[in-house]
Amino acid sequence: MTHPVPMIKHVSKLLAFLSIAVLMLLTVALAPMFSQAESGLTSAAPAAVAAPAAGSQAVVAMAQKVPVSAEEISLTFAPLVRQASPAVVNVFTAKNVASRVTPMEQLLYGVAPQGSVQNSLGSGVIVSADGVIVTNNHVIQGADTFRVVLSDRREYPAELLLADERTDLAVLKIDAGKEVLPTLAFADTRAVSVGDLVLAIGNPFGVGQTVTNGIISATARTDVGVSDYSFFLQTDAAVNPGNSGGALINTKGELVGVKTAIFSRSGGSVGIGFAIPSEMVKRVVDAAVNGGTFVRPWLGLAAQSVSFDIAKTQGLTRPIGVIVTEVYPDGPAARAGLRRGDLVTAIDDREVFDEKGLKFLAAVRKPGELAKLTVLRAGNAQTIDVRVEPPPGATEADVVLLSDASVFNGARVIELSPRLAEENGLDPFSKGSGIYVHSVTRGTISRNYFRPGDIIRSVNGKSTKTVKDLQSALAKGGRSWEIELERNGRTVKGTVRT
């Protein structure tokens, strides 16, 4: 009888020998690859790209790098967050709202009107050690009281210094006594590029201070529709409700922008958030602490974007710039020598693609400063310096209440001007001259005939360029008025008798 053990031993020896031989062969075959990967050579990469099916895994292995030191393993944004986060605050607002009780309910049930308080929450950024804080206008809009909570949970009442709806920025001030508060310095957003790392700090959904990271996804977004001066930075750092007014910072801990909006169908972050660049934030803050009024500089021109077809006629290889369509008489652009048909490709060496971008880049300059416009005229490039100025004419402070016995009784009117047009988002070029109906008082006769936004062109055949022109025409009108006005872009004519 034979014993199985000796046979098993011989087989085991044979398998062991074969295994060693295979390992030696594999070592010889793979040695060049490991040598290249360890030494960091890249000459093998093109061969791998040429034959992706056979070498794609090798390319991935070569691209990856294993941390080789404790410092590389422990890389973190924590020091940056510790430096910047104390300057980001929570902004709480309260608005007193009276409950709606009809006179009949008061009479029948003895129900008296009772007030309620509506609260809202947003974020803000301390930009001055004496307590100046910037946030979004929509965070504080309509509120009666403001309260700021610091990152260490201290609370302070806040005073509103400035609220600007058109830029969607507001500036608050708290009194922390002699304490020097932490601040964020303004970054130079002219140097911001797509791909730059950024951190978003705020208080989403009221859960407490939260930090998210991402990159700059795009710059100069002008089609967002959040404000009239649209020129936003886009980021994929998670931004949610409650983040409004919070900080978007770079890796130096500087304020790149103030978060203002997200694109979302659900209300939550989908990786498309927008921030107001710090250069505009700085202009508004400077205005708030030096007089309390933000004056938008004005170029005195209207323009339209360049299409691909227009670019070809101008000898351009791609659509860029804006075509000047109107130049306001004796405005800054006219005095500098700009003409209709000029193609403005850049302002202060920054490319423009639409009128909103042009307006923004002009508005970040202070009134009286020079803006350098790169202009293409008849195929020749030239530089024209335009001194930006406040738009001329009447402002909302010049509104006049008409209280005579005419059909205009109860209407608040003002002369149409470039400044009024800028403040109300109107087009002074297409509107021409006239009297702008600012508002209409309830319960007055004017309520039956006029709406806010109407532009009165003439009364009884007399052109109404000034409020005095209108008042003079009304004084001679008796009880019948032939009125020509513009409403929503349409001309309306009619006779009103009272």
Protein backbone atom coordinates (compact mmCIF):
# COMPACT_ATOMS: atom_id res chain seq x y z
CA MET A 1 0.00 0.00 0.00
CA THR A 2 1.39 3.28 -1.00
CA HIS A 3 1.27 6.33 1.31
CA PRO A 4 -0.02 9.61 0.02
CA VAL A 5 2.23 11.86 2.05
CA PRO A 6 5.44 11.51 -0.04
CA MET A 7 3.43 12.35 -3.20
CA ILE A 8 2.00 15.44 -1.57
CA LYS A 9 5.44 16.58 -0.51
CA HIS A 10 6.82 16.30 -4.04
CA VAL A 11 3.88 18.19 -5.47
CA SER A 12 4.28 20.95 -2.86
CA LYS A 13 7.96 21.37 -3.72
CA LEU A 14 7.15 21.60 -7.41
CA LEU A 15 4.46 24.28 -6.84
CA ALA A 16 6.79 26.29 -4.65
CA PHE A 17 9.49 26.23 -7.32
CA LEU A 18 7.05 27.33 -10.03
CA SER A 19 5.70 30.17 -7.87
CA ILE A 20 9.20 31.53 -7.27
CA ALA A 21 9.95 31.38 -11.00
CA VAL A 22 6.75 33.30 -11.87
CA LEU A 23 7.48 36.00 -9.29
CA MET A 24 10.99 36.47 -10.67
CA LEU A 25 9.66 36.83 -14.21
CA LEU A 26 7.04 39.43 -13.07
CA THR A 27 9.71 41.37 -11.20
CA VAL A 28 11.88 41.58 -14.30
CA ALA A 29 8.92 42.61 -16.50
CA LEU A 30 7.56 45.31 -14.15
CA ALA A 31 10.86 46.76 -12.95
CA PRO A 32 11.03 49.57 -15.61
CA MET A 33 7.51 50.75 -14.77
CA PHE A 34 8.19 51.01 -11.04
CA SER A 35 11.48 52.73 -11.72
CA GLN A 36 9.76 55.43 -13.78
CA ALA A 37 6.93 55.92 -11.30
CA GLU A 38 9.31 56.32 -8.37
CA SER A 39 11.67 58.69 -10.14
CA GLY A 40 8.80 60.91 -11.39
CA LEU A 41 9.67 60.47 -15.11
CA THR A 42 6.90 61.35 -17.57
CA SER A 43 8.30 59.97 -20.78
CA ALA A 44 6.06 56.90 -20.53
CA ALA A 45 2.90 59.01 -20.37
CA PRO A 46 2.44 59.53 -24.13
CA ALA A 47 2.65 55.78 -24.73
CA ALA A 48 -0.02 55.24 -22.12
CA VAL A 49 -2.24 57.88 -23.75
CA ALA A 50 -1.74 56.27 -27.15
CA ALA A 51 -2.94 52.94 -25.82
CA PRO A 52 -5.52 53.77 -23.11
CA ALA A 53 -6.93 50.26 -22.95
CA ALA A 54 -3.60 48.79 -21.93
CA GLY A 55 -2.03 51.58 -19.89
CA SER A 56 -4.80 53.75 -18.39
CA GLN A 57 -4.33 52.31 -14.90
CA ALA A 58 -0.61 53.07 -15.09
CA VAL A 59 -1.35 56.74 -15.92
CA VAL A 60 -3.65 57.05 -12.90
CA ALA A 61 -1.00 55.48 -10.67
CA MET A 62 1.63 57.90 -11.92
CA ALA A 63 -0.67 60.96 -11.43
CA GLN A 64 -1.48 60.13 -7.82
CA LYS A 65 0.85 61.08 -5.01
CA VAL A 66 0.93 59.54 -1.57
CA PRO A 67 1.58 62.00 1.29
CA VAL A 68 5.18 61.54 2.40
CA SER A 69 5.28 63.76 5.49
CA ALA A 70 3.18 64.56 8.52
CA GLU A 71 2.78 68.13 7.21
CA GLU A 72 1.25 66.96 3.93
CA ILE A 73 -1.08 64.55 5.70
CA SER A 74 -2.38 67.28 8.03
CA LEU A 75 -2.99 70.03 5.43
CA THR A 76 -6.15 71.91 6.46
CA PHE A 77 -8.06 75.18 6.08
CA ALA A 78 -8.48 75.36 9.88
CA PRO A 79 -5.89 78.15 10.48
CA LEU A 80 -7.48 80.25 7.74
CA VAL A 81 -10.96 79.70 9.18
CA ARG A 82 -9.78 80.59 12.69
CA GLN A 83 -8.35 83.81 11.30
CA ALA A 84 -11.38 84.85 9.21
CA SER A 85 -14.49 83.48 10.92
CA PRO A 86 -14.56 85.91 13.89
CA ALA A 87 -15.22 88.73 11.39
CA VAL A 88 -18.37 87.00 10.05
CA VAL A 89 -21.51 87.72 12.09
CA ASN A 90 -25.19 86.84 12.21
CA VAL A 91 -27.66 89.62 11.42
CA PHE A 92 -31.11 89.36 12.99
CA THR A 93 -33.90 91.75 11.98
CA ALA A 94 -37.37 92.37 13.33
CA LYS A 95 -40.36 94.02 11.70
CA ASN A 96 -43.55 95.03 13.50
CA VAL A 97 -46.61 94.00 11.51
CA ALA A 98 -50.15 94.98 12.45
CA SER A 99 -52.77 92.26 12.05
CA ARG A 100 -55.57 92.95 9.57
CA VAL A 101 -58.84 93.58 11.35
CA THR A 102 -61.74 95.08 9.42
CA PRO A 103 -63.95 97.81 10.97
CA MET A 104 -66.86 95.32 10.92
CA GLU A 105 -64.88 92.80 12.98
CA GLN A 106 -64.00 95.50 15.47
CA LEU A 107 -67.67 96.50 15.73
CA LEU A 108 -69.23 93.02 15.93
CA TYR A 109 -66.61 91.10 17.88
CA GLY A 110 -64.69 93.81 19.67
CA VAL A 111 -61.47 92.62 18.04
CA ALA A 112 -58.71 95.19 18.33
CA PRO A 113 -55.79 95.29 15.92
CA GLN A 114 -52.83 93.42 17.38
CA GLY A 115 -49.28 93.60 16.26
CA SER A 116 -46.94 90.75 15.47
CA VAL A 117 -43.22 90.63 14.89
CA GLN A 118 -41.63 89.12 11.81
CA ASN A 119 -38.04 88.01 12.26
CA SER A 120 -35.45 87.21 9.61
CA LEU A 121 -31.87 86.05 9.65
CA GLY A 122 -28.83 86.64 7.49
CA SER A 123 -25.10 87.04 7.71
CA GLY A 124 -22.72 89.98 7.67
CA VAL A 125 -19.03 90.87 7.57
CA ILE A 126 -17.14 93.24 9.87
CA VAL A 127 -15.04 95.46 7.60
CA SER A 128 -13.93 98.07 10.12
CA ALA A 129 -12.57 97.58 13.64
CA ASP A 130 -14.98 100.20 15.01
CA GLY A 131 -18.01 98.06 14.15
CA VAL A 132 -18.93 98.76 10.51
CA ILE A 133 -20.66 95.71 9.04
CA VAL A 134 -21.74 95.03 5.47
CA THR A 135 -24.60 92.71 4.52
CA ASN A 136 -27.22 92.36 1.79
CA ASN A 137 -30.01 94.89 1.42
CA HIS A 138 -32.56 92.09 1.13
CA VAL A 139 -31.49 90.85 4.58
CA ILE A 140 -32.52 94.09 6.31
CA GLN A 141 -35.12 95.47 3.89
CA GLY A 142 -38.31 96.61 5.62
CA ALA A 143 -37.03 95.83 9.11
CA ASP A 144 -37.50 98.12 12.09
CA THR A 145 -34.73 96.87 14.37
CA PHE A 146 -31.39 95.16 13.78
CA ARG A 147 -29.30 92.94 16.03
CA VAL A 148 -25.82 91.57 15.37
CA VAL A 149 -24.46 88.43 17.00
CA LEU A 150 -20.70 87.90 16.88
CA SER A 151 -19.08 84.50 16.41
CA ASP A 152 -18.45 84.30 20.18
CA ARG A 153 -22.22 84.87 20.78
CA ARG A 154 -22.01 88.44 22.04
CA GLU A 155 -24.95 90.53 20.85
CA TYR A 156 -25.21 94.21 19.92
CA PRO A 157 -28.01 96.42 18.61
CA ALA A 158 -27.14 97.84 15.20
CA GLU A 159 -27.78 101.13 13.42
CA LEU A 160 -28.50 101.23 9.70
CA LEU A 161 -26.06 103.58 7.95
CA LEU A 162 -27.00 102.90 4.33
CA ALA A 163 -29.28 100.61 2.35
CA ASP A 164 -28.92 100.46 -1.42
CA GLU A 165 -31.46 98.28 -3.18
CA ARG A 166 -29.89 98.53 -6.62
CA THR A 167 -26.58 97.02 -5.50
CA ASP A 168 -28.32 94.84 -2.86
CA LEU A 169 -25.91 96.03 -0.19
CA ALA A 170 -26.51 97.53 3.23
CA VAL A 171 -24.14 98.87 5.90
CA LEU A 172 -24.74 98.55 9.65
CA LYS A 173 -22.84 99.93 12.64
CA ILE A 174 -22.51 98.48 16.15
CA ASP A 175 -20.94 100.07 19.24
CA ALA A 176 -18.55 97.64 20.94
CA GLY A 177 -17.00 100.32 23.12
CA LYS A 178 -13.21 100.46 23.06
CA GLU A 179 -12.85 96.90 21.78
CA VAL A 180 -11.05 96.46 18.47
CA LEU A 181 -13.21 94.05 16.48
CA PRO A 182 -11.83 91.45 14.04
CA THR A 183 -12.16 92.46 10.39
CA LEU A 184 -11.69 91.16 6.88
CA ALA A 185 -9.59 93.16 4.43
CA PHE A 186 -10.89 93.72 0.91
CA ALA A 187 -9.30 91.59 -1.79
CA ASP A 188 -8.41 93.02 -5.20
CA THR A 189 -11.10 91.28 -7.24
CA ARG A 190 -9.48 92.44 -10.47
CA ALA A 191 -7.00 89.62 -9.89
CA VAL A 192 -9.62 86.92 -9.22
CA SER A 193 -9.52 84.08 -11.74
CA VAL A 194 -11.69 81.09 -12.50
CA GLY A 195 -10.34 78.16 -10.51
CA ASP A 196 -9.19 80.18 -7.48
CA LEU A 197 -9.90 78.43 -4.16
CA VAL A 198 -12.46 80.21 -1.96
CA LEU A 199 -14.26 79.61 1.35
CA ALA A 200 -17.84 80.67 2.09
CA ILE A 201 -18.62 81.58 5.71
CA GLY A 202 -22.15 82.26 6.93
CA ASN A 203 -25.14 80.97 8.84
CA PRO A 204 -27.23 78.79 6.49
CA PHE A 205 -30.77 77.99 7.68
CA GLY A 206 -29.87 79.42 11.10
CA VAL A 207 -27.94 76.29 12.12
CA GLY A 208 -24.89 78.32 13.20
CA GLN A 209 -21.72 79.51 11.57
CA THR A 210 -20.77 77.17 8.74
CA VAL A 211 -17.80 77.03 6.39
CA THR A 212 -17.83 75.52 2.90
CA ASN A 213 -15.14 75.50 0.27
CA GLY A 214 -15.02 75.55 -3.51
CA ILE A 215 -13.59 77.53 -6.39
CA ILE A 216 -14.45 80.60 -8.42
CA SER A 217 -16.60 79.07 -11.16
CA ALA A 218 -17.00 82.24 -13.25
CA THR A 219 -16.44 85.98 -13.09
CA ALA A 220 -18.40 88.95 -14.44
CA ARG A 221 -21.80 87.26 -14.44
CA THR A 222 -24.17 90.01 -15.61
CA ASP A 223 -27.32 88.03 -16.44
CA VAL A 224 -28.28 86.96 -12.93
CA GLY A 225 -30.93 89.65 -12.43
CA VAL A 226 -30.37 90.14 -8.69
CA SER A 227 -29.53 93.83 -8.91
CA ASP A 228 -29.21 96.59 -11.50
CA TYR A 229 -25.42 96.62 -11.14
CA SER A 230 -24.91 92.95 -11.98
CA PHE A 231 -21.31 91.82 -12.15
CA PHE A 232 -21.17 88.76 -9.92
CA LEU A 233 -18.57 86.20 -8.98
CA GLN A 234 -19.93 82.67 -9.32
CA THR A 235 -18.79 79.91 -6.96
CA ASP A 236 -19.54 76.25 -6.34
CA ALA A 237 -18.93 76.61 -2.59
CA ALA A 238 -22.21 75.58 -0.96
CA VAL A 239 -24.39 78.65 -0.33
CA ASN A 240 -27.86 78.30 1.20
CA PRO A 241 -30.59 80.57 2.62
CA GLY A 242 -29.11 82.40 5.60
CA ASN A 243 -25.73 82.72 3.90
CA SER A 244 -26.85 86.01 2.33
CA GLY A 245 -24.53 88.79 3.40
CA GLY A 246 -21.80 86.37 4.45
CA ALA A 247 -18.18 86.29 3.35
CA LEU A 248 -16.52 84.71 0.37
CA ILE A 249 -12.79 84.73 1.14
CA ASN A 250 -9.63 83.71 -0.67
CA THR A 251 -6.73 81.67 0.68
CA LYS A 252 -5.15 84.86 2.07
CA GLY A 253 -8.17 85.44 4.30
CA GLU A 254 -9.29 88.49 2.29
CA LEU A 255 -12.88 89.34 1.42
CA VAL A 256 -13.42 88.46 -2.23
CA GLY A 257 -17.15 89.16 -2.19
CA VAL A 258 -20.41 89.23 -0.26
CA LYS A 259 -22.68 86.29 -0.98
CA THR A 260 -26.01 87.44 -2.31
CA ALA A 261 -27.91 84.78 -4.28
CA ILE A 262 -28.09 81.18 -5.44
CA PHE A 263 -29.53 79.49 -8.48
CA SER A 264 -31.78 76.69 -7.26
CA ARG A 265 -35.15 75.15 -8.02
CA SER A 266 -35.38 73.51 -4.59
CA GLY A 267 -34.13 76.37 -2.42
CA GLY A 268 -30.96 74.51 -1.47
CA SER A 269 -27.45 74.68 -2.85
CA VAL A 270 -26.82 73.07 -6.23
CA GLY A 271 -23.34 74.51 -6.60
CA ILE A 272 -24.30 77.78 -8.31
CA GLY A 273 -23.89 80.70 -5.94
CA PHE A 274 -23.21 84.39 -6.61
CA ALA A 275 -21.29 87.04 -4.70
CA ILE A 276 -20.97 90.81 -5.12
CA PRO A 277 -17.29 91.59 -5.83
CA SER A 278 -15.44 93.33 -3.02
CA GLU A 279 -14.59 96.34 -5.20
CA MET A 280 -18.29 97.29 -5.28
CA VAL A 281 -18.68 96.39 -1.59
CA LYS A 282 -15.83 98.75 -0.73
CA ARG A 283 -17.42 101.61 -2.71
CA VAL A 284 -20.71 101.24 -0.85
CA VAL A 285 -19.01 100.98 2.56
CA ASP A 286 -16.91 104.08 1.84
CA ALA A 287 -20.07 105.96 0.89
CA ALA A 288 -21.84 104.81 4.06
CA VAL A 289 -19.13 106.04 6.42
CA ASN A 290 -18.46 109.25 4.48
CA GLY A 291 -21.81 110.90 4.11
CA GLY A 292 -24.30 108.06 3.92
CA THR A 293 -25.19 108.38 0.22
CA PHE A 294 -23.94 106.12 -2.56
CA VAL A 295 -23.64 108.18 -5.74
CA ARG A 296 -23.32 106.07 -8.89
CA PRO A 297 -20.90 107.54 -11.40
CA TRP A 298 -22.31 108.05 -14.87
CA LEU A 299 -20.72 107.76 -18.31
CA GLY A 300 -23.58 109.41 -20.19
CA LEU A 301 -23.97 106.81 -22.90
CA ALA A 302 -26.14 103.87 -23.90
CA ALA A 303 -24.76 100.75 -25.53
CA GLN A 304 -25.65 97.33 -26.87
CA SER A 305 -23.77 94.05 -26.89
CA VAL A 306 -21.78 92.94 -29.92
CA SER A 307 -23.14 89.91 -31.77
CA PHE A 308 -20.98 87.55 -33.82
CA ASP A 309 -22.14 89.20 -37.06
CA ILE A 310 -21.33 92.69 -35.76
CA ALA A 311 -17.93 91.46 -34.61
CA LYS A 312 -17.14 90.25 -38.14
CA THR A 313 -18.06 93.62 -39.65
CA GLN A 314 -15.72 95.28 -37.15
CA GLY A 315 -12.86 92.97 -38.10
CA LEU A 316 -12.94 91.13 -34.77
CA THR A 317 -12.29 87.42 -34.44
CA ARG A 318 -14.82 87.08 -31.61
CA PRO A 319 -17.71 89.05 -30.09
CA ILE A 320 -16.37 91.49 -27.53
CA GLY A 321 -17.32 94.94 -26.30
CA VAL A 322 -20.39 97.13 -26.68
CA ILE A 323 -21.51 99.45 -29.49
CA VAL A 324 -22.32 103.01 -28.36
CA THR A 325 -25.90 103.68 -29.46
CA GLU A 326 -26.54 107.03 -27.73
CA VAL A 327 -24.39 109.76 -26.22
CA TYR A 328 -26.06 112.14 -23.79
CA PRO A 329 -25.52 115.81 -24.80
CA ASP A 330 -22.83 117.48 -22.71
CA GLY A 331 -22.41 114.30 -20.64
CA PRO A 332 -19.04 112.81 -19.62
CA ALA A 333 -18.80 110.58 -22.71
CA ALA A 334 -19.72 113.43 -25.06
CA ARG A 335 -17.13 115.78 -23.54
CA ALA A 336 -14.47 113.05 -23.83
CA GLY A 337 -15.20 112.67 -27.55
CA LEU A 338 -17.09 109.39 -27.70
CA ARG A 339 -19.49 109.01 -30.62
CA ARG A 340 -22.37 106.83 -31.68
CA GLY A 341 -21.00 103.72 -33.37
CA ASP A 342 -17.83 103.55 -31.29
CA LEU A 343 -17.01 100.05 -30.08
CA VAL A 344 -15.90 100.00 -26.42
CA THR A 345 -13.95 96.79 -25.82
CA ALA A 346 -12.62 97.44 -22.31
CA ILE A 347 -12.74 99.81 -19.38
CA ASP A 348 -9.61 100.15 -17.25
CA ASP A 349 -8.13 97.24 -19.25
CA ARG A 350 -10.98 94.91 -18.26
CA GLU A 351 -13.02 93.45 -21.10
CA VAL A 352 -16.73 94.25 -21.32
CA PHE A 353 -19.41 92.27 -23.09
CA ASP A 354 -22.63 94.12 -22.24
CA GLU A 355 -23.92 97.42 -20.90
CA LYS A 356 -24.35 96.07 -17.37
CA GLY A 357 -20.68 95.20 -17.19
CA LEU A 358 -19.78 98.65 -18.50
CA LYS A 359 -21.98 100.34 -15.89
CA PHE A 360 -20.52 98.24 -13.08
CA LEU A 361 -16.91 98.96 -13.99
CA ALA A 362 -17.73 102.66 -14.14
CA ALA A 363 -19.63 102.56 -10.84
CA VAL A 364 -16.69 101.16 -8.86
CA ARG A 365 -14.88 104.42 -9.52
CA LYS A 366 -15.56 107.48 -7.41
CA PRO A 367 -17.17 110.55 -9.02
CA GLY A 368 -14.48 112.72 -10.55
CA GLU A 369 -12.08 109.86 -11.31
CA LEU A 370 -10.93 108.99 -14.82
CA ALA A 371 -12.05 105.75 -16.46
CA LYS A 372 -9.89 104.52 -19.33
CA LEU A 373 -12.02 103.23 -22.22
CA THR A 374 -10.46 101.15 -24.97
CA VAL A 375 -12.34 102.15 -28.12
CA LEU A 376 -12.34 100.76 -31.66
CA ARG A 377 -13.34 103.43 -34.19
CA ALA A 378 -13.27 102.78 -37.95
CA GLY A 379 -10.96 99.84 -37.34
CA ASN A 380 -8.47 101.86 -35.29
CA ALA A 381 -7.97 101.21 -31.58
CA GLN A 382 -7.55 104.15 -29.25
CA THR A 383 -7.81 104.99 -25.57
CA ILE A 384 -10.27 107.65 -24.39
CA ASP A 385 -10.28 108.87 -20.79
CA VAL A 386 -13.76 109.66 -19.44
CA ARG A 387 -14.18 111.48 -16.14
CA VAL A 388 -17.13 109.77 -14.45
CA GLU A 389 -19.62 112.09 -12.78
CA PRO A 390 -22.90 111.88 -10.89
CA PRO A 391 -25.80 111.98 -13.36
CA PRO A 392 -27.32 115.47 -13.55
CA GLY A 393 -30.86 116.54 -12.84
CA ALA A 394 -33.60 116.11 -10.30
CA THR A 395 -33.58 113.34 -7.70
CA GLU A 396 -36.32 111.77 -5.65
CA ALA A 397 -35.76 114.49 -3.08
CA ASP A 398 -37.28 116.92 -5.60
CA VAL A 399 -40.66 115.17 -5.82
CA VAL A 400 -43.57 117.66 -5.85
CA LEU A 401 -47.07 116.85 -4.55
CA LEU A 402 -49.76 118.43 -6.74
CA SER A 403 -52.65 119.57 -4.56
CA ASP A 404 -54.61 121.89 -6.86
CA ALA A 405 -58.16 121.33 -8.10
CA SER A 406 -57.05 119.67 -11.33
CA VAL A 407 -57.15 116.06 -12.46
CA PHE A 408 -53.59 115.74 -11.13
CA ASN A 409 -54.64 116.41 -7.52
CA GLY A 410 -52.81 113.88 -5.30
CA ALA A 411 -50.11 112.97 -7.81
CA ARG A 412 -46.45 113.22 -6.82
CA VAL A 413 -44.38 114.24 -9.83
CA ILE A 414 -40.78 115.01 -10.69
CA GLU A 415 -38.90 116.17 -13.76
CA LEU A 416 -37.40 113.33 -15.78
CA SER A 417 -33.60 113.54 -15.73
CA PRO A 418 -30.57 111.29 -16.15
CA ARG A 419 -30.23 111.07 -12.37
CA LEU A 420 -33.87 110.10 -11.86
CA ALA A 421 -33.55 107.61 -14.70
CA GLU A 422 -30.51 106.03 -13.04
CA GLU A 423 -32.23 105.85 -9.65
CA ASN A 424 -35.33 104.19 -11.10
CA GLY A 425 -33.80 102.01 -13.79
CA LEU A 426 -35.25 104.08 -16.62
CA ASP A 427 -33.74 104.85 -20.00
CA PRO A 428 -33.24 108.62 -20.33
CA PHE A 429 -32.51 108.33 -24.05
CA SER A 430 -35.73 106.63 -25.13
CA LYS A 431 -37.93 108.46 -22.63
CA GLY A 432 -36.99 111.97 -23.69
CA SER A 433 -38.24 114.92 -21.66
CA GLY A 434 -41.35 114.89 -19.54
CA ILE A 435 -42.78 114.73 -16.04
CA TYR A 436 -42.45 111.43 -14.21
CA VAL A 437 -45.34 110.31 -11.98
CA HIS A 438 -43.53 109.10 -8.88
CA SER A 439 -46.58 107.99 -6.87
CA VAL A 440 -50.31 108.61 -6.53
CA THR A 441 -52.15 109.27 -3.25
CA ARG A 442 -55.03 106.96 -2.43
CA GLY A 443 -58.48 108.49 -2.41
CA THR A 444 -57.59 111.37 -4.73
CA ILE A 445 -58.88 112.07 -8.23
CA SER A 446 -55.47 111.44 -9.80
CA ARG A 447 -55.78 107.82 -8.69
CA ASN A 448 -58.42 107.30 -11.38
CA TYR A 449 -56.21 108.39 -14.27
CA PHE A 450 -52.52 108.00 -13.49
CA ARG A 451 -50.14 105.28 -12.37
CA PRO A 452 -46.64 105.43 -10.92
CA GLY A 453 -44.19 105.35 -13.80
CA ASP A 454 -46.34 107.35 -16.23
CA ILE A 455 -44.50 110.10 -18.08
CA ILE A 456 -46.55 113.19 -18.87
CA ARG A 457 -45.47 114.54 -22.27
CA SER A 458 -47.93 117.39 -22.74
CA VAL A 459 -51.10 118.98 -21.32
CA ASN A 460 -53.49 120.91 -23.57
CA GLY A 461 -50.94 120.82 -26.35
CA LYS A 462 -48.17 122.37 -24.23
CA SER A 463 -44.99 120.35 -23.75
CA THR A 464 -44.28 119.59 -20.10
CA LYS A 465 -40.51 119.55 -19.62
CA THR A 466 -40.52 120.98 -16.10
CA VAL A 467 -42.87 120.87 -13.13
CA LYS A 468 -43.48 124.61 -13.68
CA ASP A 469 -44.60 123.84 -17.24
CA LEU A 470 -47.11 121.32 -15.90
CA GLN A 471 -48.39 123.65 -13.16
CA SER A 472 -48.79 126.48 -15.66
CA ALA A 473 -50.80 124.26 -18.04
CA LEU A 474 -53.03 123.04 -15.22
CA ALA A 475 -53.74 126.59 -14.04
CA LYS A 476 -55.12 127.44 -17.50
CA GLY A 477 -56.94 124.19 -18.08
CA GLY A 478 -60.30 124.94 -16.51
CA ARG A 479 -62.14 121.63 -16.13
CA SER A 480 -60.94 119.94 -19.30
CA TRP A 481 -57.44 118.63 -20.02
CA GLU A 482 -56.02 117.06 -23.14
CA ILE A 483 -53.23 114.82 -21.90
CA GLU A 484 -50.50 112.93 -23.72
CA LEU A 485 -48.51 110.47 -21.64
CA GLU A 486 -46.29 107.41 -22.03
CA ARG A 487 -47.19 104.26 -20.13
CA ASN A 488 -45.16 101.04 -20.35
CA GLY A 489 -43.55 102.24 -23.56
CA ARG A 490 -46.84 103.12 -25.26
CA THR A 491 -48.15 106.60 -26.06
CA VAL A 492 -51.63 107.31 -24.63
CA LYS A 493 -53.69 110.38 -25.57
CA GLY A 494 -57.05 111.46 -24.21
CA THR A 495 -59.26 114.20 -22.83
CA VAL A 496 -60.24 114.25 -19.16
CA ARG A 497 -63.19 116.33 -17.92
CA THR A 498 -64.16 116.86 -14.31
